[in-house]
Structures are given as structure tokens and as C-alpha cells.
Amino acid sequence: MSILPYKEISLLYVSERLGHVSLDFTTSTYAQLMEELCDIDSKLTTSIFERLLSV
């Protein structure tokens, strides 16, 4: 089910869908994936601002 968070499905939904004990459990389970997605978001944000500032 790691494809769901990767496709930007909320961790709250994933947690409920998989019947996890808590959102903390889900977050810790997908921590590495969340770091990867944050890196992608960071690069995207930088790109957006670079394009805005170059106009």
C-alpha cells in the first residue's frame, strides 16, 4: 500500500484503510517515503520560485 501515499493519498486515509492502531504508526511506517516526497516537494518549490523570479 505504499503506492497510496506516493500518489498523494493522505496518511490519515491510509491509516484508516489499513486499520493501523494510530496515525503515528502509519507515519513511522512510511517515514522514509515521506522524506523522499519532501525532497521532491522541495525541488518543485525551488523550481517554481526560480521561474517566478526569472520573469
PDB file of N, CA and C in Angstrom:
ATOM      1  N   MET A   1       0.804  -1.210   0.000  1.00  0.00           N
ATOM      2  CA  MET A   1       0.000   0.000   0.000  1.00  0.00           C
ATOM      3  C   MET A   1       0.842   1.267   0.000  1.00  0.00           C
ATOM      4  N   SER A   2       2.160   1.142  -0.142  1.00  0.00           N
ATOM      5  CA  SER A   2       2.973   2.352  -0.138  1.00  0.00           C
ATOM      6  C   SER A   2       2.701   3.211  -1.366  1.00  0.00           C
ATOM      7  N   ILE A   3       2.024   2.676  -2.336  1.00  0.00           N
ATOM      8  CA  ILE A   3       1.708   3.464  -3.523  1.00  0.00           C
ATOM      9  C   ILE A   3       0.705   4.578  -3.196  1.00  0.00           C
ATOM     10  N   LEU A   4      -0.147   4.363  -2.205  1.00  0.00           N
ATOM     11  CA  LEU A   4      -1.152   5.381  -1.883  1.00  0.00           C
ATOM     12  C   LEU A   4      -0.517   6.683  -1.411  1.00  0.00           C
ATOM     13  N   PRO A   5       0.346   6.669  -0.404  1.00  0.00           N
ATOM     14  CA  PRO A   5       0.976   7.938  -0.013  1.00  0.00           C
ATOM     15  C   PRO A   5       1.830   8.522  -1.141  1.00  0.00           C
ATOM     16  N   TYR A   6       2.456   7.669  -1.906  1.00  0.00           N
ATOM     17  CA  TYR A   6       3.282   8.149  -3.011  1.00  0.00           C
ATOM     18  C   TYR A   6       2.430   8.882  -4.047  1.00  0.00           C
ATOM     19  N   LYS A   7       1.180   8.474  -4.171  1.00  0.00           N
ATOM     20  CA  LYS A   7       0.253   9.124  -5.106  1.00  0.00           C
ATOM     21  C   LYS A   7      -0.529  10.241  -4.416  1.00  0.00           C
ATOM     22  N   GLU A   8       0.006  10.692  -3.270  1.00  0.00           N
ATOM     23  CA  GLU A   8      -0.521  11.832  -2.525  1.00  0.00           C
ATOM     24  C   GLU A   8      -1.868  11.567  -1.854  1.00  0.00           C
ATOM     25  N   ILE A   9      -2.136  10.306  -1.529  1.00  0.00           N
ATOM     26  CA  ILE A   9      -3.295   9.967  -0.706  1.00  0.00           C
ATOM     27  C   ILE A   9      -2.887  10.210   0.744  1.00  0.00           C
ATOM     28  N   SER A  10      -3.730  10.866   1.502  1.00  0.00           N
ATOM     29  CA  SER A  10      -3.353  11.267   2.857  1.00  0.00           C
ATOM     30  C   SER A  10      -3.029  10.069   3.744  1.00  0.00           C
ATOM     31  N   LEU A  11      -2.089  10.300   4.653  1.00  0.00           N
ATOM     32  CA  LEU A  11      -1.719   9.249   5.600  1.00  0.00           C
ATOM     33  C   LEU A  11      -2.877   8.904   6.534  1.00  0.00           C
ATOM     34  N   LEU A  12      -3.724   9.870   6.816  1.00  0.00           N
ATOM     35  CA  LEU A  12      -4.889   9.596   7.659  1.00  0.00           C
ATOM     36  C   LEU A  12      -5.789   8.565   6.982  1.00  0.00           C
ATOM     37  N   TYR A  13      -6.043   8.749   5.697  1.00  0.00           N
ATOM     38  CA  TYR A  13      -6.863   7.783   4.960  1.00  0.00           C
ATOM     39  C   TYR A  13      -6.188   6.417   4.913  1.00  0.00           C
ATOM     40  N   VAL A  14      -4.890   6.400   4.621  1.00  0.00           N
ATOM     41  CA  VAL A  14      -4.152   5.136   4.554  1.00  0.00           C
ATOM     42  C   VAL A  14      -4.218   4.422   5.893  1.00  0.00           C
ATOM     43  N   SER A  15      -4.028   5.176   6.967  1.00  0.00           N
ATOM     44  CA  SER A  15      -4.070   4.604   8.309  1.00  0.00           C
ATOM     45  C   SER A  15      -5.421   3.951   8.586  1.00  0.00           C
ATOM     46  N   GLU A  16      -6.489   4.670   8.257  1.00  0.00           N
ATOM     47  CA  GLU A  16      -7.834   4.130   8.467  1.00  0.00           C
ATOM     48  C   GLU A  16      -8.105   2.934   7.559  1.00  0.00           C
ATOM     49  N   ARG A  17      -7.706   3.046   6.313  1.00  0.00           N
ATOM     50  CA  ARG A  17      -7.939   1.989   5.323  1.00  0.00           C
ATOM     51  C   ARG A  17      -7.248   0.682   5.713  1.00  0.00           C
ATOM     52  N   LEU A  18      -6.021   0.808   6.243  1.00  0.00           N
ATOM     53  CA  LEU A  18      -5.258  -0.379   6.612  1.00  0.00           C
ATOM     54  C   LEU A  18      -5.526  -0.837   8.037  1.00  0.00           C
ATOM     55  N   GLY A  19      -6.316  -0.067   8.774  1.00  0.00           N
ATOM     56  CA  GLY A  19      -6.651  -0.451  10.143  1.00  0.00           C
ATOM     57  C   GLY A  19      -5.486  -0.319  11.111  1.00  0.00           C
ATOM     58  N   HIS A  20      -4.598   0.629  10.853  1.00  0.00           N
ATOM     59  CA  HIS A  20      -3.479   0.838  11.764  1.00  0.00           C
ATOM     60  C   HIS A  20      -3.986   1.326  13.114  1.00  0.00           C
ATOM     61  N   VAL A  21      -3.229   1.016  14.141  1.00  0.00           N
ATOM     62  CA  VAL A  21      -3.594   1.381  15.504  1.00  0.00           C
ATOM     63  C   VAL A  21      -3.657   2.896  15.677  1.00  0.00           C
ATOM     64  N   SER A  22      -2.749   3.590  15.020  1.00  0.00           N
ATOM     65  CA  SER A  22      -2.704   5.041  15.165  1.00  0.00           C
ATOM     66  C   SER A  22      -2.073   5.669  13.926  1.00  0.00           C
ATOM     67  N   LEU A  23      -2.272   6.971  13.804  1.00  0.00           N
ATOM     68  CA  LEU A  23      -1.636   7.712  12.716  1.00  0.00           C
ATOM     69  C   LEU A  23      -0.127   7.738  12.927  1.00  0.00           C
ATOM     70  N   ASP A  24       0.312   7.755  14.178  1.00  0.00           N
ATOM     71  CA  ASP A  24       1.753   7.706  14.464  1.00  0.00           C
ATOM     72  C   ASP A  24       2.386   6.442  13.898  1.00  0.00           C
ATOM     73  N   PHE A  25       1.688   5.321  14.012  1.00  0.00           N
ATOM     74  CA  PHE A  25       2.202   4.069  13.460  1.00  0.00           C
ATOM     75  C   PHE A  25       2.349   4.183  11.948  1.00  0.00           C
ATOM     76  N   THR A  26       1.342   4.730  11.301  1.00  0.00           N
ATOM     77  CA  THR A  26       1.380   4.887   9.843  1.00  0.00           C
ATOM     78  C   THR A  26       2.514   5.810   9.437  1.00  0.00           C
ATOM     79  N   THR A  27       2.645   6.920  10.150  1.00  0.00           N
ATOM     80  CA  THR A  27       3.693   7.891   9.835  1.00  0.00           C
ATOM     81  C   THR A  27       5.068   7.270   9.975  1.00  0.00           C
ATOM     82  N   SER A  28       5.280   6.519  11.043  1.00  0.00           N
ATOM     83  CA  SER A  28       6.593   5.892  11.229  1.00  0.00           C
ATOM     84  C   SER A  28       6.831   4.804  10.186  1.00  0.00           C
ATOM     85  N   THR A  29       5.779   4.125   9.770  1.00  0.00           N
ATOM     86  CA  THR A  29       5.900   3.082   8.752  1.00  0.00           C
ATOM     87  C   THR A  29       6.342   3.674   7.410  1.00  0.00           C
ATOM     88  N   TYR A  30       5.808   4.831   7.089  1.00  0.00           N
ATOM     89  CA  TYR A  30       6.095   5.458   5.803  1.00  0.00           C
ATOM     90  C   TYR A  30       7.077   6.619   5.901  1.00  0.00           C
ATOM     91  N   ALA A  31       7.834   6.707   6.983  1.00  0.00           N
ATOM     92  CA  ALA A  31       8.740   7.839   7.212  1.00  0.00           C
ATOM     93  C   ALA A  31       9.739   8.013   6.071  1.00  0.00           C
ATOM     94  N   GLN A  32      10.336   6.937   5.613  1.00  0.00           N
ATOM     95  CA  GLN A  32      11.321   7.044   4.532  1.00  0.00           C
ATOM     96  C   GLN A  32      10.663   7.577   3.259  1.00  0.00           C
ATOM     97  N   LEU A  33       9.485   7.095   2.949  1.00  0.00           N
ATOM     98  CA  LEU A  33       8.757   7.570   1.778  1.00  0.00           C
ATOM     99  C   LEU A  33       8.408   9.050   1.935  1.00  0.00           C
ATOM    100  N   MET A  34       8.011   9.454   3.134  1.00  0.00           N
ATOM    101  CA  MET A  34       7.662  10.852   3.371  1.00  0.00           C
ATOM    102  C   MET A  34       8.876  11.751   3.163  1.00  0.00           C
ATOM    103  N   GLU A  35      10.051  11.290   3.584  1.00  0.00           N
ATOM    104  CA  GLU A  35      11.271  12.067   3.360  1.00  0.00           C
ATOM    105  C   GLU A  35      11.537  12.217   1.861  1.00  0.00           C
ATOM    106  N   GLU A  36      11.330  11.144   1.117  1.00  0.00           N
ATOM    107  CA  GLU A  36      11.528  11.190  -0.339  1.00  0.00           C
ATOM    108  C   GLU A  36      10.553  12.171  -0.980  1.00  0.00           C
ATOM    109  N   LEU A  37       9.300  12.136  -0.542  1.00  0.00           N
ATOM    110  CA  LEU A  37       8.301  13.044  -1.096  1.00  0.00           C
ATOM    111  C   LEU A  37       8.605  14.491  -0.720  1.00  0.00           C
ATOM    112  N   CYS A  38       9.136  14.720   0.483  1.00  0.00           N
ATOM    113  CA  CYS A  38       9.534  16.077   0.885  1.00  0.00           C
ATOM    114  C   CYS A  38      10.669  16.582   0.004  1.00  0.00           C
ATOM    115  N   ASP A  39      11.599  15.709  -0.331  1.00  0.00           N
ATOM    116  CA  ASP A  39      12.691  16.101  -1.227  1.00  0.00           C
ATOM    117  C   ASP A  39      12.138  16.511  -2.595  1.00  0.00           C
ATOM    118  N   ILE A  40      11.198  15.744  -3.091  1.00  0.00           N
ATOM    119  CA  ILE A  40      10.569  16.061  -4.379  1.00  0.00           C
ATOM    120  C   ILE A  40       9.836  17.398  -4.283  1.00  0.00           C
ATOM    121  N   ASP A  41       9.083  17.607  -3.190  1.00  0.00           N
ATOM    122  CA  ASP A  41       8.358  18.862  -2.992  1.00  0.00           C
ATOM    123  C   ASP A  41       9.316  20.043  -2.897  1.00  0.00           C
ATOM    124  N   SER A  42      10.438  19.841  -2.232  1.00  0.00           N
ATOM    125  CA  SER A  42      11.431  20.903  -2.089  1.00  0.00           C
ATOM    126  C   SER A  42      11.981  21.313  -3.453  1.00  0.00           C
ATOM    127  N   LYS A  43      12.304  20.338  -4.283  1.00  0.00           N
ATOM    128  CA  LYS A  43      12.827  20.628  -5.615  1.00  0.00           C
ATOM    129  C   LYS A  43      11.766  21.322  -6.469  1.00  0.00           C
ATOM    130  N   LEU A  44      10.538  20.882  -6.348  1.00  0.00           N
ATOM    131  CA  LEU A  44       9.446  21.501  -7.102  1.00  0.00           C
ATOM    132  C   LEU A  44       9.239  22.945  -6.659  1.00  0.00           C
ATOM    133  N   THR A  45       9.270  23.172  -5.351  1.00  0.00           N
ATOM    134  CA  THR A  45       9.107  24.522  -4.823  1.00  0.00           C
ATOM    135  C   THR A  45      10.221  25.438  -5.305  1.00  0.00           C
ATOM    136  N   THR A  46      11.442  24.955  -5.255  1.00  0.00           N
ATOM    137  CA  THR A  46      12.580  25.741  -5.738  1.00  0.00           C
ATOM    138  C   THR A  46      12.398  26.091  -7.206  1.00  0.00           C
ATOM    139  N   SER A  47      11.985  25.131  -7.990  1.00  0.00           N
ATOM    140  CA  SER A  47      11.769  25.355  -9.417  1.00  0.00           C
ATOM    141  C   SER A  47      10.686  26.401  -9.661  1.00  0.00           C
ATOM    142  N   ILE A  48       9.622  26.336  -8.905  1.00  0.00           N
ATOM    143  CA  ILE A  48       8.524  27.298  -9.054  1.00  0.00           C
ATOM    144  C   ILE A  48       9.015  28.708  -8.763  1.00  0.00           C
ATOM    145  N   PHE A  49       9.724  28.865  -7.645  1.00  0.00           N
ATOM    146  CA  PHE A  49      10.208  30.192  -7.287  1.00  0.00           C
ATOM    147  C   PHE A  49      11.268  30.698  -8.259  1.00  0.00           C
ATOM    148  N   GLU A  50      12.107  29.828  -8.760  1.00  0.00           N
ATOM    149  CA  GLU A  50      13.085  30.246  -9.748  1.00  0.00           C
ATOM    150  C   GLU A  50      12.414  30.769 -11.002  1.00  0.00           C
ATOM    151  N   ARG A  51      11.344  30.079 -11.438  1.00  0.00           N
ATOM    152  CA  ARG A  51      10.612  30.539 -12.620  1.00  0.00           C
ATOM    153  C   ARG A  51       9.906  31.867 -12.343  1.00  0.00           C
ATOM    154  N   LEU A  52       9.345  32.018 -11.142  1.00  0.00           N
ATOM    155  CA  LEU A  52       8.662  33.269 -10.808  1.00  0.00           C
ATOM    156  C   LEU A  52       9.636  34.439 -10.765  1.00  0.00           C
ATOM    157  N   LEU A  53      10.813  34.210 -10.234  1.00  0.00           N
ATOM    158  CA  LEU A  53      11.793  35.288 -10.081  1.00  0.00           C
ATOM    159  C   LEU A  53      12.498  35.632 -11.373  1.00  0.00           C
ATOM    160  N   SER A  54      12.472  34.726 -12.346  1.00  0.00           N
ATOM    161  CA  SER A  54      13.160  34.995 -13.604  1.00  0.00           C
ATOM    162  C   SER A  54      12.282  35.726 -14.611  1.00  0.00           C
ATOM    163  N   VAL A  55      11.042  35.922 -14.279  1.00  0.00           N
ATOM    164  CA  VAL A  55      10.112  36.605 -15.193  1.00  0.00           C
ATOM    165  C   VAL A  55      10.321  38.082 -15.183  1.00  0.00           C
TER     166      VAL A  55
END
